[in-house]
PDB file of N, CA and C in Angstrom:
ATOM      1  N   MET A   1      -0.254   8.516  10.154  1.00  0.00           N
ATOM      2  CA  MET A   1      -0.147   7.299   9.387  1.00  0.00           C
ATOM      3  C   MET A   1       0.160   7.665   7.940  1.00  0.00           C
ATOM      4  N   THR A   2       1.107   6.981   7.336  1.00  0.00           N
ATOM      5  CA  THR A   2       1.494   7.219   5.954  1.00  0.00           C
ATOM      6  C   THR A   2       0.922   6.119   5.076  1.00  0.00           C
ATOM      7  N   SER A   3       0.314   6.520   3.986  1.00  0.00           N
ATOM      8  CA  SER A   3      -0.243   5.551   3.051  1.00  0.00           C
ATOM      9  C   SER A   3       0.772   5.297   1.950  1.00  0.00           C
ATOM     10  N   GLN A   4       1.013   4.025   1.648  1.00  0.00           N
ATOM     11  CA  GLN A   4       1.921   3.672   0.568  1.00  0.00           C
ATOM     12  C   GLN A   4       1.153   2.945  -0.522  1.00  0.00           C
ATOM     13  N   ASN A   5       1.450   3.307  -1.730  1.00  0.00           N
ATOM     14  CA  ASN A   5       0.815   2.665  -2.872  1.00  0.00           C
ATOM     15  C   ASN A   5       1.673   1.482  -3.284  1.00  0.00           C
ATOM     16  N   SER A   6       1.154   0.261  -3.145  1.00  0.00           N
ATOM     17  CA  SER A   6       1.923  -0.925  -3.495  1.00  0.00           C
ATOM     18  C   SER A   6       1.625  -1.410  -4.908  1.00  0.00           C
ATOM     19  N   THR A   7       0.837  -0.647  -5.670  1.00  0.00           N
ATOM     20  CA  THR A   7       0.534  -1.021  -7.041  1.00  0.00           C
ATOM     21  C   THR A   7       1.764  -0.764  -7.906  1.00  0.00           C
ATOM     22  N   PRO A   8       2.189  -1.767  -8.690  1.00  0.00           N
ATOM     23  CA  PRO A   8       3.353  -1.543  -9.549  1.00  0.00           C
ATOM     24  C   PRO A   8       3.044  -0.488 -10.613  1.00  0.00           C
ATOM     25  N   PRO A   9       4.059   0.196 -11.099  1.00  0.00           N
ATOM     26  CA  PRO A   9       3.829   1.214 -12.125  1.00  0.00           C
ATOM     27  C   PRO A   9       3.258   0.566 -13.395  1.00  0.00           C
ATOM     28  N   GLN A  10       2.443   1.325 -14.099  1.00  0.00           N
ATOM     29  CA  GLN A  10       1.851   0.837 -15.338  1.00  0.00           C
ATOM     30  C   GLN A  10       2.614   1.384 -16.533  1.00  0.00           C
ATOM     31  N   GLY A  11       2.489   0.684 -17.652  1.00  0.00           N
ATOM     32  CA  GLY A  11       3.129   1.119 -18.879  1.00  0.00           C
ATOM     33  C   GLY A  11       2.397   2.280 -19.519  1.00  0.00           C
ATOM     34  N   SER A  12       2.973   2.830 -20.544  1.00  0.00           N
ATOM     35  CA  SER A  12       2.402   3.992 -21.228  1.00  0.00           C
ATOM     36  C   SER A  12       1.206   3.638 -22.106  1.00  0.00           C
ATOM     37  N   HIS A  13       1.055   2.354 -22.434  1.00  0.00           N
ATOM     38  CA  HIS A  13      -0.037   1.912 -23.302  1.00  0.00           C
ATOM     39  C   HIS A  13      -0.735   0.691 -22.704  1.00  0.00           C
ATOM     40  N   GLN A  14      -2.036   0.610 -22.941  1.00  0.00           N
ATOM     41  CA  GLN A  14      -2.792  -0.570 -22.552  1.00  0.00           C
ATOM     42  C   GLN A  14      -3.064  -1.381 -23.807  1.00  0.00           C
ATOM     43  N   TRP A  15      -2.931  -2.702 -23.708  1.00  0.00           N
ATOM     44  CA  TRP A  15      -3.165  -3.565 -24.859  1.00  0.00           C
ATOM     45  C   TRP A  15      -4.129  -4.695 -24.508  1.00  0.00           C
ATOM     46  N   ILE A  16      -4.842  -5.167 -25.528  1.00  0.00           N
ATOM     47  CA  ILE A  16      -5.725  -6.332 -25.432  1.00  0.00           C
ATOM     48  C   ILE A  16      -5.519  -7.119 -26.716  1.00  0.00           C
ATOM     49  N   LEU A  17      -5.323  -8.429 -26.571  1.00  0.00           N
ATOM     50  CA  LEU A  17      -5.102  -9.283 -27.734  1.00  0.00           C
ATOM     51  C   LEU A  17      -5.889 -10.574 -27.551  1.00  0.00           C
ATOM     52  N   THR A  18      -6.731 -10.895 -28.531  1.00  0.00           N
ATOM     53  CA  THR A  18      -7.512 -12.124 -28.514  1.00  0.00           C
ATOM     54  C   THR A  18      -7.042 -13.004 -29.662  1.00  0.00           C
ATOM     55  N   LEU A  19      -6.684 -14.249 -29.328  1.00  0.00           N
ATOM     56  CA  LEU A  19      -6.277 -15.243 -30.320  1.00  0.00           C
ATOM     57  C   LEU A  19      -7.250 -16.407 -30.267  1.00  0.00           C
ATOM     58  N   GLU A  20      -7.484 -17.027 -31.435  1.00  0.00           N
ATOM     59  CA  GLU A  20      -8.429 -18.135 -31.494  1.00  0.00           C
ATOM     60  C   GLU A  20      -7.910 -19.252 -32.397  1.00  0.00           C
ATOM     61  N   LEU A  21      -8.048 -20.459 -31.907  1.00  0.00           N
ATOM     62  CA  LEU A  21      -7.896 -21.651 -32.726  1.00  0.00           C
ATOM     63  C   LEU A  21      -9.323 -22.124 -32.985  1.00  0.00           C
ATOM     64  N   PRO A  22      -9.857 -21.888 -34.186  1.00  0.00           N
ATOM     65  CA  PRO A  22     -11.263 -22.171 -34.457  1.00  0.00           C
ATOM     66  C   PRO A  22     -11.670 -23.585 -34.025  1.00  0.00           C
ATOM     67  N   GLY A  23     -12.753 -23.623 -33.269  1.00  0.00           N
ATOM     68  CA  GLY A  23     -13.287 -24.882 -32.796  1.00  0.00           C
ATOM     69  C   GLY A  23     -12.532 -25.499 -31.639  1.00  0.00           C
ATOM     70  N   ARG A  24     -11.437 -24.858 -31.206  1.00  0.00           N
ATOM     71  CA  ARG A  24     -10.626 -25.440 -30.132  1.00  0.00           C
ATOM     72  C   ARG A  24     -10.542 -24.549 -28.910  1.00  0.00           C
ATOM     73  N   CYS A  25     -10.091 -23.310 -29.084  1.00  0.00           N
ATOM     74  CA  CYS A  25      -9.962 -22.424 -27.923  1.00  0.00           C
ATOM     75  C   CYS A  25      -9.833 -20.980 -28.370  1.00  0.00           C
ATOM     76  N   THR A  26     -10.158 -20.103 -27.450  1.00  0.00           N
ATOM     77  CA  THR A  26      -9.984 -18.663 -27.622  1.00  0.00           C
ATOM     78  C   THR A  26      -9.376 -18.139 -26.334  1.00  0.00           C
ATOM     79  N   THR A  27      -8.409 -17.240 -26.462  1.00  0.00           N
ATOM     80  CA  THR A  27      -7.812 -16.620 -25.282  1.00  0.00           C
ATOM     81  C   THR A  27      -7.717 -15.117 -25.493  1.00  0.00           C
ATOM     82  N   THR A  28      -8.017 -14.382 -24.452  1.00  0.00           N
ATOM     83  CA  THR A  28      -7.836 -12.933 -24.457  1.00  0.00           C
ATOM     84  C   THR A  28      -6.868 -12.595 -23.342  1.00  0.00           C
ATOM     85  N   GLN A  29      -5.832 -11.865 -23.682  1.00  0.00           N
ATOM     86  CA  GLN A  29      -4.876 -11.409 -22.684  1.00  0.00           C
ATOM     87  C   GLN A  29      -4.760  -9.902 -22.794  1.00  0.00           C
ATOM     88  N   TYR A  30      -4.350  -9.265 -21.705  1.00  0.00           N
ATOM     89  CA  TYR A  30      -4.269  -7.809 -21.681  1.00  0.00           C
ATOM     90  C   TYR A  30      -3.222  -7.374 -20.671  1.00  0.00           C
ATOM     91  N   GLY A  31      -2.836  -6.125 -20.784  1.00  0.00           N
ATOM     92  CA  GLY A  31      -1.874  -5.564 -19.847  1.00  0.00           C
ATOM     93  C   GLY A  31      -1.472  -4.172 -20.269  1.00  0.00           C
ATOM     94  N   THR A  32      -0.427  -3.674 -19.632  1.00  0.00           N
ATOM     95  CA  THR A  32       0.137  -2.386 -20.025  1.00  0.00           C
ATOM     96  C   THR A  32       1.602  -2.594 -20.351  1.00  0.00           C
ATOM     97  N   TRP A  33       2.119  -1.705 -21.182  1.00  0.00           N
ATOM     98  CA  TRP A  33       3.506  -1.831 -21.620  1.00  0.00           C
ATOM     99  C   TRP A  33       3.982  -0.489 -22.138  1.00  0.00           C
ATOM    100  N   THR A  34       5.234  -0.199 -21.921  1.00  0.00           N
ATOM    101  CA  THR A  34       5.868   0.973 -22.512  1.00  0.00           C
ATOM    102  C   THR A  34       6.773   0.482 -23.631  1.00  0.00           C
ATOM    103  N   PRO A  35       6.355   0.670 -24.882  1.00  0.00           N
ATOM    104  CA  PRO A  35       7.178   0.209 -26.008  1.00  0.00           C
ATOM    105  C   PRO A  35       8.493   0.985 -26.084  1.00  0.00           C
ATOM    106  N   PRO A  36       9.510   0.369 -26.664  1.00  0.00           N
ATOM    107  CA  PRO A  36      10.773   1.094 -26.832  1.00  0.00           C
ATOM    108  C   PRO A  36      10.601   2.291 -27.772  1.00  0.00           C
ATOM    109  N   ALA A  37      11.440   3.267 -27.616  1.00  0.00           N
ATOM    110  CA  ALA A  37      11.399   4.461 -28.473  1.00  0.00           C
ATOM    111  C   ALA A  37      11.485   4.045 -29.934  1.00  0.00           C
ATOM    112  N   GLY A  38      10.628   4.632 -30.744  1.00  0.00           N
ATOM    113  CA  GLY A  38      10.639   4.363 -32.179  1.00  0.00           C
ATOM    114  C   GLY A  38       9.828   3.142 -32.594  1.00  0.00           C
ATOM    115  N   ALA A  39       9.260   2.415 -31.644  1.00  0.00           N
ATOM    116  CA  ALA A  39       8.462   1.232 -31.977  1.00  0.00           C
ATOM    117  C   ALA A  39       7.183   1.644 -32.689  1.00  0.00           C
ATOM    118  N   THR A  40       6.756   0.809 -33.609  1.00  0.00           N
ATOM    119  CA  THR A  40       5.500   1.044 -34.322  1.00  0.00           C
ATOM    120  C   THR A  40       4.405   0.178 -33.695  1.00  0.00           C
ATOM    121  N   ARG A  41       3.178   0.455 -34.081  1.00  0.00           N
ATOM    122  CA  ARG A  41       2.046  -0.358 -33.623  1.00  0.00           C
ATOM    123  C   ARG A  41       2.269  -1.817 -34.031  1.00  0.00           C
ATOM    124  N   HIS A  42       2.760  -2.031 -35.245  1.00  0.00           N
ATOM    125  CA  HIS A  42       3.032  -3.392 -35.727  1.00  0.00           C
ATOM    126  C   HIS A  42       4.109  -4.072 -34.880  1.00  0.00           C
ATOM    127  N   ASP A  43       5.163  -3.334 -34.538  1.00  0.00           N
ATOM    128  CA  ASP A  43       6.218  -3.892 -33.682  1.00  0.00           C
ATOM    129  C   ASP A  43       5.637  -4.388 -32.361  1.00  0.00           C
ATOM    130  N   VAL A  44       4.757  -3.587 -31.779  1.00  0.00           N
ATOM    131  CA  VAL A  44       4.144  -3.953 -30.496  1.00  0.00           C
ATOM    132  C   VAL A  44       3.266  -5.191 -30.671  1.00  0.00           C
ATOM    133  N   PHE A  45       2.454  -5.211 -31.717  1.00  0.00           N
ATOM    134  CA  PHE A  45       1.600  -6.369 -31.983  1.00  0.00           C
ATOM    135  C   PHE A  45       2.433  -7.642 -32.095  1.00  0.00           C
ATOM    136  N   VAL A  46       3.475  -7.604 -32.911  1.00  0.00           N
ATOM    137  CA  VAL A  46       4.318  -8.787 -33.117  1.00  0.00           C
ATOM    138  C   VAL A  46       4.971  -9.213 -31.803  1.00  0.00           C
ATOM    139  N   SER A  47       5.482  -8.274 -31.036  1.00  0.00           N
ATOM    140  CA  SER A  47       6.119  -8.604 -29.756  1.00  0.00           C
ATOM    141  C   SER A  47       5.140  -9.244 -28.781  1.00  0.00           C
ATOM    142  N   LEU A  48       3.948  -8.683 -28.682  1.00  0.00           N
ATOM    143  CA  LEU A  48       2.953  -9.229 -27.767  1.00  0.00           C
ATOM    144  C   LEU A  48       2.495 -10.613 -28.201  1.00  0.00           C
ATOM    145  N   ARG A  49       2.276 -10.785 -29.487  1.00  0.00           N
ATOM    146  CA  ARG A  49       1.852 -12.093 -29.990  1.00  0.00           C
ATOM    147  C   ARG A  49       2.944 -13.133 -29.738  1.00  0.00           C
ATOM    148  N   GLU A  50       4.185 -12.768 -29.997  1.00  0.00           N
ATOM    149  CA  GLU A  50       5.299 -13.691 -29.743  1.00  0.00           C
ATOM    150  C   GLU A  50       5.395 -14.045 -28.260  1.00  0.00           C
ATOM    151  N   HIS A  51       5.157 -13.079 -27.394  1.00  0.00           N
ATOM    152  CA  HIS A  51       5.185 -13.324 -25.950  1.00  0.00           C
ATOM    153  C   HIS A  51       4.108 -14.336 -25.548  1.00  0.00           C
ATOM    154  N   ILE A  52       2.904 -14.149 -26.065  1.00  0.00           N
ATOM    155  CA  ILE A  52       1.809 -15.065 -25.740  1.00  0.00           C
ATOM    156  C   ILE A  52       2.103 -16.466 -26.274  1.00  0.00           C
ATOM    157  N   VAL A  53       2.588 -16.550 -27.507  1.00  0.00           N
ATOM    158  CA  VAL A  53       2.890 -17.858 -28.101  1.00  0.00           C
ATOM    159  C   VAL A  53       4.039 -18.545 -27.361  1.00  0.00           C
ATOM    160  N   ALA A  54       4.995 -17.784 -26.853  1.00  0.00           N
ATOM    161  CA  ALA A  54       6.083 -18.390 -26.077  1.00  0.00           C
ATOM    162  C   ALA A  54       5.543 -19.068 -24.823  1.00  0.00           C
ATOM    163  N   GLU A  55       4.502 -18.475 -24.222  1.00  0.00           N
ATOM    164  CA  GLU A  55       3.889 -19.067 -23.032  1.00  0.00           C
ATOM    165  C   GLU A  55       2.909 -20.175 -23.382  1.00  0.00           C
ATOM    166  N   HIS A  56       2.318 -20.109 -24.587  1.00  0.00           N
ATOM    167  CA  HIS A  56       1.303 -21.076 -25.023  1.00  0.00           C
ATOM    168  C   HIS A  56       1.607 -21.486 -26.465  1.00  0.00           C
ATOM    169  N   PRO A  57       2.601 -22.361 -26.674  1.00  0.00           N
ATOM    170  CA  PRO A  57       3.022 -22.721 -28.039  1.00  0.00           C
ATOM    171  C   PRO A  57       1.902 -23.248 -28.932  1.00  0.00           C
ATOM    172  N   GLU A  58       0.868 -23.811 -28.326  1.00  0.00           N
ATOM    173  CA  GLU A  58      -0.248 -24.331 -29.125  1.00  0.00           C
ATOM    174  C   GLU A  58      -0.967 -23.214 -29.891  1.00  0.00           C
ATOM    175  N   LEU A  59      -0.727 -21.948 -29.513  1.00  0.00           N
ATOM    176  CA  LEU A  59      -1.371 -20.817 -30.186  1.00  0.00           C
ATOM    177  C   LEU A  59      -0.544 -20.265 -31.351  1.00  0.00           C
ATOM    178  N   SER A  60       0.523 -20.936 -31.708  1.00  0.00           N
ATOM    179  CA  SER A  60       1.395 -20.411 -32.766  1.00  0.00           C
ATOM    180  C   SER A  60       0.671 -20.238 -34.104  1.00  0.00           C
ATOM    181  N   ARG A  61      -0.364 -21.038 -34.347  1.00  0.00           N
ATOM    182  CA  ARG A  61      -1.117 -20.934 -35.602  1.00  0.00           C
ATOM    183  C   ARG A  61      -2.490 -20.306 -35.392  1.00  0.00           C
ATOM    184  N   ALA A  62      -2.695 -19.680 -34.250  1.00  0.00           N
ATOM    185  CA  ALA A  62      -3.995 -19.080 -33.933  1.00  0.00           C
ATOM    186  C   ALA A  62      -4.257 -17.838 -34.782  1.00  0.00           C
ATOM    187  N   ASN A  63      -5.537 -17.583 -35.013  1.00  0.00           N
ATOM    188  CA  ASN A  63      -5.973 -16.371 -35.701  1.00  0.00           C
ATOM    189  C   ASN A  63      -6.071 -15.232 -34.696  1.00  0.00           C
ATOM    190  N   THR A  64      -5.715 -14.045 -35.130  1.00  0.00           N
ATOM    191  CA  THR A  64      -5.925 -12.861 -34.306  1.00  0.00           C
ATOM    192  C   THR A  64      -7.360 -12.398 -34.530  1.00  0.00           C
ATOM    193  N   VAL A  65      -8.133 -12.380 -33.450  1.00  0.00           N
ATOM    194  CA  VAL A  65      -9.531 -11.974 -33.525  1.00  0.00           C
ATOM    195  C   VAL A  65      -9.672 -10.496 -33.164  1.00  0.00           C
ATOM    196  N   PHE A  66      -8.836 -10.038 -32.223  1.00  0.00           N
ATOM    197  CA  PHE A  66      -8.941  -8.656 -31.764  1.00  0.00           C
ATOM    198  C   PHE A  66      -7.578  -8.194 -31.266  1.00  0.00           C
ATOM    199  N   PHE A  67      -7.237  -6.945 -31.597  1.00  0.00           N
ATOM    200  CA  PHE A  67      -6.033  -6.313 -31.066  1.00  0.00           C
ATOM    201  C   PHE A  67      -6.321  -4.844 -30.830  1.00  0.00           C
ATOM    202  N   SER A  68      -5.998  -4.372 -29.653  1.00  0.00           N
ATOM    203  CA  SER A  68      -6.155  -2.952 -29.326  1.00  0.00           C
ATOM    204  C   SER A  68      -4.899  -2.477 -28.607  1.00  0.00           C
ATOM    205  N   LEU A  69      -4.440  -1.310 -28.979  1.00  0.00           N
ATOM    206  CA  LEU A  69      -3.297  -0.664 -28.338  1.00  0.00           C
ATOM    207  C   LEU A  69      -3.642   0.812 -28.209  1.00  0.00           C
ATOM    208  N   GLU A  70      -3.780   1.280 -27.004  1.00  0.00           N
ATOM    209  CA  GLU A  70      -4.201   2.664 -26.765  1.00  0.00           C
ATOM    210  C   GLU A  70      -3.305   3.297 -25.695  1.00  0.00           C
ATOM    211  N   PRO A  71      -3.124   4.619 -25.764  1.00  0.00           N
ATOM    212  CA  PRO A  71      -2.416   5.282 -24.678  1.00  0.00           C
ATOM    213  C   PRO A  71      -3.115   5.006 -23.343  1.00  0.00           C
ATOM    214  N   ASN A  72      -2.341   4.768 -22.307  1.00  0.00           N
ATOM    215  CA  ASN A  72      -2.881   4.404 -20.999  1.00  0.00           C
ATOM    216  C   ASN A  72      -3.124   5.662 -20.159  1.00  0.00           C
ATOM    217  N   ARG A  73      -4.106   6.418 -20.614  1.00  0.00           N
ATOM    218  CA  ARG A  73      -4.470   7.641 -19.881  1.00  0.00           C
ATOM    219  C   ARG A  73      -5.931   7.951 -20.151  1.00  0.00           C
ATOM    220  N   LEU A  74      -6.512   8.746 -19.288  1.00  0.00           N
ATOM    221  CA  LEU A  74      -7.899   9.174 -19.486  1.00  0.00           C
ATOM    222  C   LEU A  74      -7.929  10.625 -19.938  1.00  0.00           C
TER     223      LEU A  74
END
């Protein structure tokens, strides 16, 4: 019997981003991503925030409560 791994490949970095609209809502999203060559931590933050806001436009004025970007390895 052959075992196949059906888990999709993960990105080179793991990220967590928490946004809050004070008194209204807080959301935490996370995932993995391989940034393009030459990308900075700020580039990744802006891209991820824009991605979340594109899916949830009501968060366009949300405060960033937490952001983490770490290499996805132990």
